[in-house]
Amino acid sequence: MSTYVPKEGEVKKSWVIIDAEDKVLGRVAAEAASVLRGKHKPEFTPYLDCGDNVIIVNAAKAKVSGNKFTDKEYYRHSGYPGGIKDTTYGKMLEKHPTRPMTMAVTGMLPHNRLGRALATNLRVYPGAEHPHAAQDPTEHSF
C-alpha cells in the first residue's frame, strides 16, 4: 500500500478565526502560521497549500512581554546607501495596528513562493469586526 499524497486543489479548505485579545503576539502568530500551512491536517504535504484560511481579530490588543513595546524595532531599507529606517513596536501599532501581527505570521511561513501564496490566505483586523461571516468561520482555540 502506498502513501496517500493529495494533489493540488484536492484538499478541502475551511475558515478559522483566532482572537488575539490578551494573548501573546508570537504565540498567536505561531498558531496562525501552523494552521495556514495545514500542519493540523493528516494529509499535510510540505510542498502544497494544504492549510485553511485564517482570520485574526483584535490584533491591536495582542500583548508583548518585557519592554518590547518600546524596545522592539522593525527595520526596512530603501536599497540606497544610508537608507535604513527603523520604527518601534509601539509606533507601528499606532500607525498600522495590523502590521506587527502580519509581519510575525509571514515571518514564520516558508520564505519562497509557497510562503507568499500561503500569506494571501491570512486576514488580520485590528478590532473584533470582520467581513467574513458568510464563510462561516470556526473558532480556533489553543
C-alpha atoms as a PDB file:
ATOM      1  CA  MET A   1       0.000   0.000   0.000  1.00  0.00           C
ATOM      2  CA  SER A   2       1.381   3.386  -0.937  1.00  0.00           C
ATOM      3  CA  THR A   3       1.245   6.663   0.976  1.00  0.00           C
ATOM      4  CA  TYR A   4      -1.596   8.973   0.036  1.00  0.00           C
ATOM      5  CA  VAL A   5      -0.364  12.295  -1.342  1.00  0.00           C
ATOM      6  CA  PRO A   6      -3.060  14.859  -2.181  1.00  0.00           C
ATOM      7  CA  LYS A   7      -2.977  16.694  -5.457  1.00  0.00           C
ATOM      8  CA  GLU A   8      -3.202  20.473  -5.679  1.00  0.00           C
ATOM      9  CA  GLY A   9      -6.827  21.561  -5.291  1.00  0.00           C
ATOM     10  CA  GLU A  10      -7.860  18.229  -3.699  1.00  0.00           C
ATOM     11  CA  VAL A  11      -7.583  19.479  -0.117  1.00  0.00           C
ATOM     12  CA  LYS A  12     -10.729  20.975   1.410  1.00  0.00           C
ATOM     13  CA  LYS A  13     -10.025  24.413   2.843  1.00  0.00           C
ATOM     14  CA  SER A  14     -12.054  25.880   5.692  1.00  0.00           C
ATOM     15  CA  TRP A  15     -12.058  29.221   7.519  1.00  0.00           C
ATOM     16  CA  VAL A  16     -10.665  29.633  11.036  1.00  0.00           C
ATOM     17  CA  ILE A  17     -10.954  32.667  13.309  1.00  0.00           C
ATOM     18  CA  ILE A  18      -8.367  33.432  16.004  1.00  0.00           C
ATOM     19  CA  ASP A  19      -8.994  36.026  18.706  1.00  0.00           C
ATOM     20  CA  ALA A  20      -5.700  37.691  19.710  1.00  0.00           C
ATOM     21  CA  GLU A  21      -7.078  39.761  22.575  1.00  0.00           C
ATOM     22  CA  ASP A  22      -4.869  39.451  25.701  1.00  0.00           C
ATOM     23  CA  LYS A  23      -2.730  36.749  24.055  1.00  0.00           C
ATOM     24  CA  VAL A  24       0.991  36.984  23.321  1.00  0.00           C
ATOM     25  CA  LEU A  25       1.750  38.173  19.782  1.00  0.00           C
ATOM     26  CA  GLY A  26       4.285  35.450  18.955  1.00  0.00           C
ATOM     27  CA  ARG A  27       2.132  32.589  20.214  1.00  0.00           C
ATOM     28  CA  VAL A  28      -0.846  33.743  18.160  1.00  0.00           C
ATOM     29  CA  ALA A  29       1.403  34.148  15.109  1.00  0.00           C
ATOM     30  CA  ALA A  30       2.910  30.660  15.537  1.00  0.00           C
ATOM     31  CA  GLU A  31      -0.530  29.052  15.780  1.00  0.00           C
ATOM     32  CA  ALA A  32      -1.788  31.007  12.752  1.00  0.00           C
ATOM     33  CA  ALA A  33       1.261  30.002  10.694  1.00  0.00           C
ATOM     34  CA  SER A  34       0.723  26.343  11.601  1.00  0.00           C
ATOM     35  CA  VAL A  35      -2.938  26.480  10.538  1.00  0.00           C
ATOM     36  CA  LEU A  36      -2.020  28.329   7.317  1.00  0.00           C
ATOM     37  CA  ARG A  37       0.470  25.576   6.436  1.00  0.00           C
ATOM     38  CA  GLY A  38      -2.022  22.813   7.219  1.00  0.00           C
ATOM     39  CA  LYS A  39       0.106  21.035   9.814  1.00  0.00           C
ATOM     40  CA  HIS A  40      -3.015  20.177  11.823  1.00  0.00           C
ATOM     41  CA  LYS A  41      -4.387  18.005   8.993  1.00  0.00           C
ATOM     42  CA  PRO A  42      -3.493  14.351   8.416  1.00  0.00           C
ATOM     43  CA  GLU A  43      -2.992  14.976   4.690  1.00  0.00           C
ATOM     44  CA  PHE A  44      -0.287  17.641   5.278  1.00  0.00           C
ATOM     45  CA  THR A  45       2.162  17.847   2.415  1.00  0.00           C
ATOM     46  CA  PRO A  46       5.166  20.168   2.830  1.00  0.00           C
ATOM     47  CA  TYR A  47       5.194  21.433  -0.757  1.00  0.00           C
ATOM     48  CA  LEU A  48       1.435  22.082  -1.159  1.00  0.00           C
ATOM     49  CA  ASP A  49      -1.048  24.637   0.132  1.00  0.00           C
ATOM     50  CA  CYS A  50      -2.975  22.300   2.473  1.00  0.00           C
ATOM     51  CA  GLY A  51      -3.876  24.901   5.089  1.00  0.00           C
ATOM     52  CA  ASP A  52      -7.002  26.807   5.990  1.00  0.00           C
ATOM     53  CA  ASN A  53      -7.855  30.478   5.636  1.00  0.00           C
ATOM     54  CA  VAL A  54      -7.116  32.328   8.878  1.00  0.00           C
ATOM     55  CA  ILE A  55      -8.846  35.434  10.245  1.00  0.00           C
ATOM     56  CA  ILE A  56      -7.129  37.144  13.190  1.00  0.00           C
ATOM     57  CA  VAL A  57      -9.319  39.616  15.093  1.00  0.00           C
ATOM     58  CA  ASN A  58      -8.314  42.042  17.862  1.00  0.00           C
ATOM     59  CA  ALA A  59      -4.728  42.098  16.547  1.00  0.00           C
ATOM     60  CA  ALA A  60      -4.157  45.555  18.054  1.00  0.00           C
ATOM     61  CA  LYS A  61      -4.913  44.143  21.531  1.00  0.00           C
ATOM     62  CA  ALA A  62      -2.241  41.438  21.447  1.00  0.00           C
ATOM     63  CA  LYS A  63       0.287  41.540  24.274  1.00  0.00           C
ATOM     64  CA  VAL A  64       4.072  41.597  24.155  1.00  0.00           C
ATOM     65  CA  SER A  65       6.236  40.722  27.142  1.00  0.00           C
ATOM     66  CA  GLY A  66       9.001  42.716  28.773  1.00  0.00           C
ATOM     67  CA  ASN A  67       9.995  46.062  27.276  1.00  0.00           C
ATOM     68  CA  LYS A  68       9.221  45.045  23.696  1.00  0.00           C
ATOM     69  CA  PHE A  69       6.563  47.756  23.365  1.00  0.00           C
ATOM     70  CA  THR A  70       9.312  50.405  23.385  1.00  0.00           C
ATOM     71  CA  ASP A  71      12.481  48.407  22.616  1.00  0.00           C
ATOM     72  CA  LYS A  72      11.475  46.074  19.746  1.00  0.00           C
ATOM     73  CA  GLU A  73      12.421  47.637  16.414  1.00  0.00           C
ATOM     74  CA  TYR A  74      11.348  46.888  12.854  1.00  0.00           C
ATOM     75  CA  TYR A  75      13.832  47.733  10.100  1.00  0.00           C
ATOM     76  CA  ARG A  76      13.382  48.427   6.413  1.00  0.00           C
ATOM     77  CA  HIS A  77      15.865  49.538   3.768  1.00  0.00           C
ATOM     78  CA  SER A  78      15.280  51.622   0.666  1.00  0.00           C
ATOM     79  CA  GLY A  79      18.157  49.991  -1.202  1.00  0.00           C
ATOM     80  CA  TYR A  80      20.239  53.171  -1.243  1.00  0.00           C
ATOM     81  CA  PRO A  81      23.329  53.765   0.920  1.00  0.00           C
ATOM     82  CA  GLY A  82      22.247  55.058   4.300  1.00  0.00           C
ATOM     83  CA  GLY A  83      18.620  54.199   3.505  1.00  0.00           C
ATOM     84  CA  ILE A  84      17.858  52.110   6.580  1.00  0.00           C
ATOM     85  CA  LYS A  85      14.851  53.186   8.614  1.00  0.00           C
ATOM     86  CA  ASP A  86      13.508  51.787  11.852  1.00  0.00           C
ATOM     87  CA  THR A  87      10.398  52.084  13.973  1.00  0.00           C
ATOM     88  CA  THR A  88       9.433  50.686  17.349  1.00  0.00           C
ATOM     89  CA  TYR A  89       6.601  48.262  18.012  1.00  0.00           C
ATOM     90  CA  GLY A  90       4.560  50.946  19.776  1.00  0.00           C
ATOM     91  CA  LYS A  91       4.844  53.454  16.921  1.00  0.00           C
ATOM     92  CA  MET A  92       3.995  50.815  14.320  1.00  0.00           C
ATOM     93  CA  LEU A  93       0.970  49.741  16.358  1.00  0.00           C
ATOM     94  CA  GLU A  94      -0.261  53.363  16.410  1.00  0.00           C
ATOM     95  CA  LYS A  95       0.192  53.910  12.687  1.00  0.00           C
ATOM     96  CA  HIS A  96      -0.624  50.439  11.308  1.00  0.00           C
ATOM     97  CA  PRO A  97      -2.343  48.316  14.003  1.00  0.00           C
ATOM     98  CA  THR A  98      -2.358  45.082  11.965  1.00  0.00           C
ATOM     99  CA  ARG A  99       1.168  45.176  10.556  1.00  0.00           C
ATOM    100  CA  PRO A 100       3.106  43.681  13.529  1.00  0.00           C
ATOM    101  CA  MET A 101       0.823  40.623  13.533  1.00  0.00           C
ATOM    102  CA  THR A 102       1.028  40.250   9.745  1.00  0.00           C
ATOM    103  CA  MET A 103       4.817  40.514   9.801  1.00  0.00           C
ATOM    104  CA  ALA A 104       5.066  37.990  12.643  1.00  0.00           C
ATOM    105  CA  VAL A 105       2.924  35.415  10.819  1.00  0.00           C
ATOM    106  CA  THR A 106       4.577  35.850   7.401  1.00  0.00           C
ATOM    107  CA  GLY A 107       8.000  35.596   9.053  1.00  0.00           C
ATOM    108  CA  MET A 108       7.030  32.133  10.311  1.00  0.00           C
ATOM    109  CA  LEU A 109       5.998  30.884   6.856  1.00  0.00           C
ATOM    110  CA  PRO A 110       8.445  29.465   4.289  1.00  0.00           C
ATOM    111  CA  HIS A 111      10.461  32.140   2.506  1.00  0.00           C
ATOM    112  CA  ASN A 112       9.657  31.029  -1.038  1.00  0.00           C
ATOM    113  CA  ARG A 113       6.741  31.120  -3.494  1.00  0.00           C
ATOM    114  CA  LEU A 114       4.708  28.731  -1.329  1.00  0.00           C
ATOM    115  CA  GLY A 115       5.042  31.054   1.667  1.00  0.00           C
ATOM    116  CA  ARG A 116       3.915  34.039  -0.409  1.00  0.00           C
ATOM    117  CA  ALA A 117       0.894  32.064  -1.615  1.00  0.00           C
ATOM    118  CA  LEU A 118       0.043  30.989   1.936  1.00  0.00           C
ATOM    119  CA  ALA A 119       0.254  34.605   3.141  1.00  0.00           C
ATOM    120  CA  THR A 120      -2.661  35.508   0.863  1.00  0.00           C
ATOM    121  CA  ASN A 121      -4.881  33.243   3.000  1.00  0.00           C
ATOM    122  CA  LEU A 122      -4.325  35.438   6.080  1.00  0.00           C
ATOM    123  CA  ARG A 123      -6.676  38.271   7.082  1.00  0.00           C
ATOM    124  CA  VAL A 124      -5.838  40.472  10.069  1.00  0.00           C
ATOM    125  CA  TYR A 125      -8.220  43.005  11.644  1.00  0.00           C
ATOM    126  CA  PRO A 126      -7.442  45.427  14.493  1.00  0.00           C
ATOM    127  CA  GLY A 127     -10.895  45.139  16.115  1.00  0.00           C
ATOM    128  CA  ALA A 128     -13.489  42.450  16.673  1.00  0.00           C
ATOM    129  CA  GLU A 129     -15.416  43.067  13.430  1.00  0.00           C
ATOM    130  CA  HIS A 130     -14.616  41.245  10.184  1.00  0.00           C
ATOM    131  CA  PRO A 131     -16.470  40.938   6.858  1.00  0.00           C
ATOM    132  CA  HIS A 132     -16.151  37.144   6.555  1.00  0.00           C
ATOM    133  CA  ALA A 133     -19.336  35.985   8.298  1.00  0.00           C
ATOM    134  CA  ALA A 134     -20.581  34.412   5.051  1.00  0.00           C
ATOM    135  CA  GLN A 135     -17.621  31.955   5.089  1.00  0.00           C
ATOM    136  CA  ASP A 136     -18.905  30.581   8.440  1.00  0.00           C
ATOM    137  CA  PRO A 137     -15.515  30.575  10.232  1.00  0.00           C
ATOM    138  CA  THR A 138     -14.935  28.254  13.164  1.00  0.00           C
ATOM    139  CA  GLU A 139     -13.394  29.491  16.414  1.00  0.00           C
ATOM    140  CA  HIS A 140      -9.835  28.221  16.925  1.00  0.00           C
ATOM    141  CA  SER A 141      -8.630  27.678  20.466  1.00  0.00           C
ATOM    142  CA  PHE A 142      -5.112  26.843  21.558  1.00  0.00           C
END
